[in-house]
Protein backbone atom coordinates (compact mmCIF):
# COMPACT_ATOMS: atom_id res chain seq x y z
CA MET A 1 1.66 -18.70 -9.86
CA ASN A 2 -0.90 -20.66 -11.82
CA THR A 3 -4.45 -20.19 -13.08
CA ASP A 4 -5.96 -22.32 -10.30
CA ALA A 5 -4.46 -20.16 -7.57
CA ILE A 6 -5.52 -16.94 -9.28
CA LYS A 7 -9.02 -18.27 -9.91
CA TYR A 8 -9.32 -19.29 -6.25
CA TRP A 9 -8.44 -15.80 -4.99
CA LEU A 10 -10.59 -14.03 -7.57
CA ASP A 11 -13.52 -16.29 -6.62
CA TYR A 12 -12.84 -15.59 -2.94
CA TYR A 13 -12.78 -11.84 -3.55
CA SER A 14 -15.93 -12.05 -5.67
CA ALA A 15 -17.81 -13.95 -2.95
CA LYS A 16 -16.51 -11.79 -0.11
CA TYR A 17 -17.51 -8.50 -1.74
CA LYS A 18 -20.67 -9.90 -3.34
CA GLU A 19 -19.74 -9.16 -6.95
CA ASP A 20 -22.51 -9.68 -9.48
CA SER A 21 -20.71 -12.30 -11.51
CA PRO A 22 -17.79 -14.61 -10.77
CA PRO A 23 -14.56 -14.01 -12.67
CA THR A 24 -14.29 -15.58 -16.12
CA ILE A 25 -11.36 -17.57 -17.42
CA ASN A 26 -10.40 -14.51 -19.50
CA THR A 27 -10.11 -12.44 -16.32
CA VAL A 28 -7.94 -15.14 -14.76
CA ARG A 29 -5.67 -15.18 -17.81
CA LYS A 30 -5.34 -11.39 -17.75
CA PHE A 31 -4.32 -11.48 -14.09
CA LEU A 32 -1.80 -14.24 -14.79
CA THR A 33 -0.29 -12.26 -17.68
CA ILE A 34 -0.02 -9.10 -15.57
CA ILE A 35 1.55 -11.00 -12.65
CA LYS A 36 4.14 -12.62 -14.91
CA GLN A 37 5.03 -9.30 -16.57
CA LEU A 38 5.24 -7.56 -13.21
CA SER A 39 7.49 -10.24 -11.73
CA VAL A 40 9.89 -9.97 -14.69
CA ALA A 41 9.87 -6.16 -14.49
CA LEU A 42 10.61 -6.16 -10.74
CA VAL A 43 13.52 -8.59 -11.12
CA THR A 44 14.92 -6.57 -14.02
CA ALA A 45 14.62 -3.32 -12.09
CA HIS A 46 16.35 -4.88 -9.08
CA LYS A 47 19.21 -6.17 -11.25
CA LYS A 48 19.65 -2.69 -12.75
CA GLY A 49 19.89 -1.18 -9.29
CA VAL A 50 16.62 0.72 -9.41
CA ARG A 51 15.51 1.61 -5.91
CA LEU A 52 11.84 0.74 -5.76
CA PHE A 53 11.33 1.87 -2.17
CA LYS A 54 12.75 4.70 -0.16
CA ALA A 55 15.15 3.51 2.52
CA ALA A 56 14.26 4.64 6.02
CA GLN A 57 16.87 6.83 7.65
CA ASP A 58 17.90 6.20 11.24
CA GLY A 59 16.50 8.74 13.67
CA HIS A 60 13.67 9.80 11.36
CA HIS A 61 9.99 9.31 12.11
CA TYR A 62 7.74 8.31 9.22
CA LEU A 63 4.01 8.87 9.51
CA THR A 64 1.80 5.83 9.64
CA PRO A 65 -1.59 5.90 7.91
CA VAL A 66 -3.16 6.51 11.33
CA ASP A 67 -0.81 9.45 11.98
CA LYS A 68 -1.62 10.92 8.58
CA TYR A 69 -5.34 10.53 9.24
CA GLU A 70 -5.00 12.40 12.53
CA ILE A 71 -3.09 15.25 10.88
CA ASP A 72 -5.57 15.41 7.99
CA LYS A 73 -8.48 15.45 10.45
CA MET A 74 -6.88 18.30 12.39
CA TYR A 75 -6.35 20.25 9.16
CA ASP A 76 -9.93 19.64 8.03
CA ASN A 77 -11.18 20.85 11.42
CA GLY A 78 -9.24 24.10 11.08
CA ALA A 79 -6.37 23.45 13.47
CA SER A 80 -3.58 26.00 13.45
CA ALA A 81 -0.11 25.21 12.14
CA GLN A 82 1.23 25.45 15.69
CA GLU A 83 -1.28 22.82 16.90
CA ILE A 84 -0.39 20.48 14.04
CA ILE A 85 3.35 20.97 14.70
CA ALA A 86 2.82 20.21 18.40
CA VAL A 87 1.05 16.93 17.54
CA LEU A 88 3.79 16.04 15.04
CA GLN A 89 6.44 16.75 17.66
CA HIS A 90 4.57 14.50 20.12
CA MET A 91 4.50 11.71 17.49
CA ILE A 92 8.24 12.11 16.92
CA ASP A 93 8.96 12.07 20.65
CA ASP A 94 6.81 8.94 21.16
CA SER A 95 8.62 7.09 18.37
CA ALA A 96 12.01 7.86 19.95
CA LYS A 97 11.10 6.07 23.19
């Protein structure tokens, strides 16, 4: 990772979301520093055996963001626990196919 690549993507983001001012060289340097520190920390954590992500278990269904949105929407609209459980069961059954 270098300053040119970071500047390119920060400029792209700035233009895409119509930011008031383009990123400065100081902002680019801060991003570069953070990226380097994060890459070292992730490698170190991996070497020490730290599990950064939960491993999926076979036969289990994990909600997608869309599934979670549907459940949240049902809850917000006052759906009963039985209705929510029925929808969850349907999601589980569909994932097993």
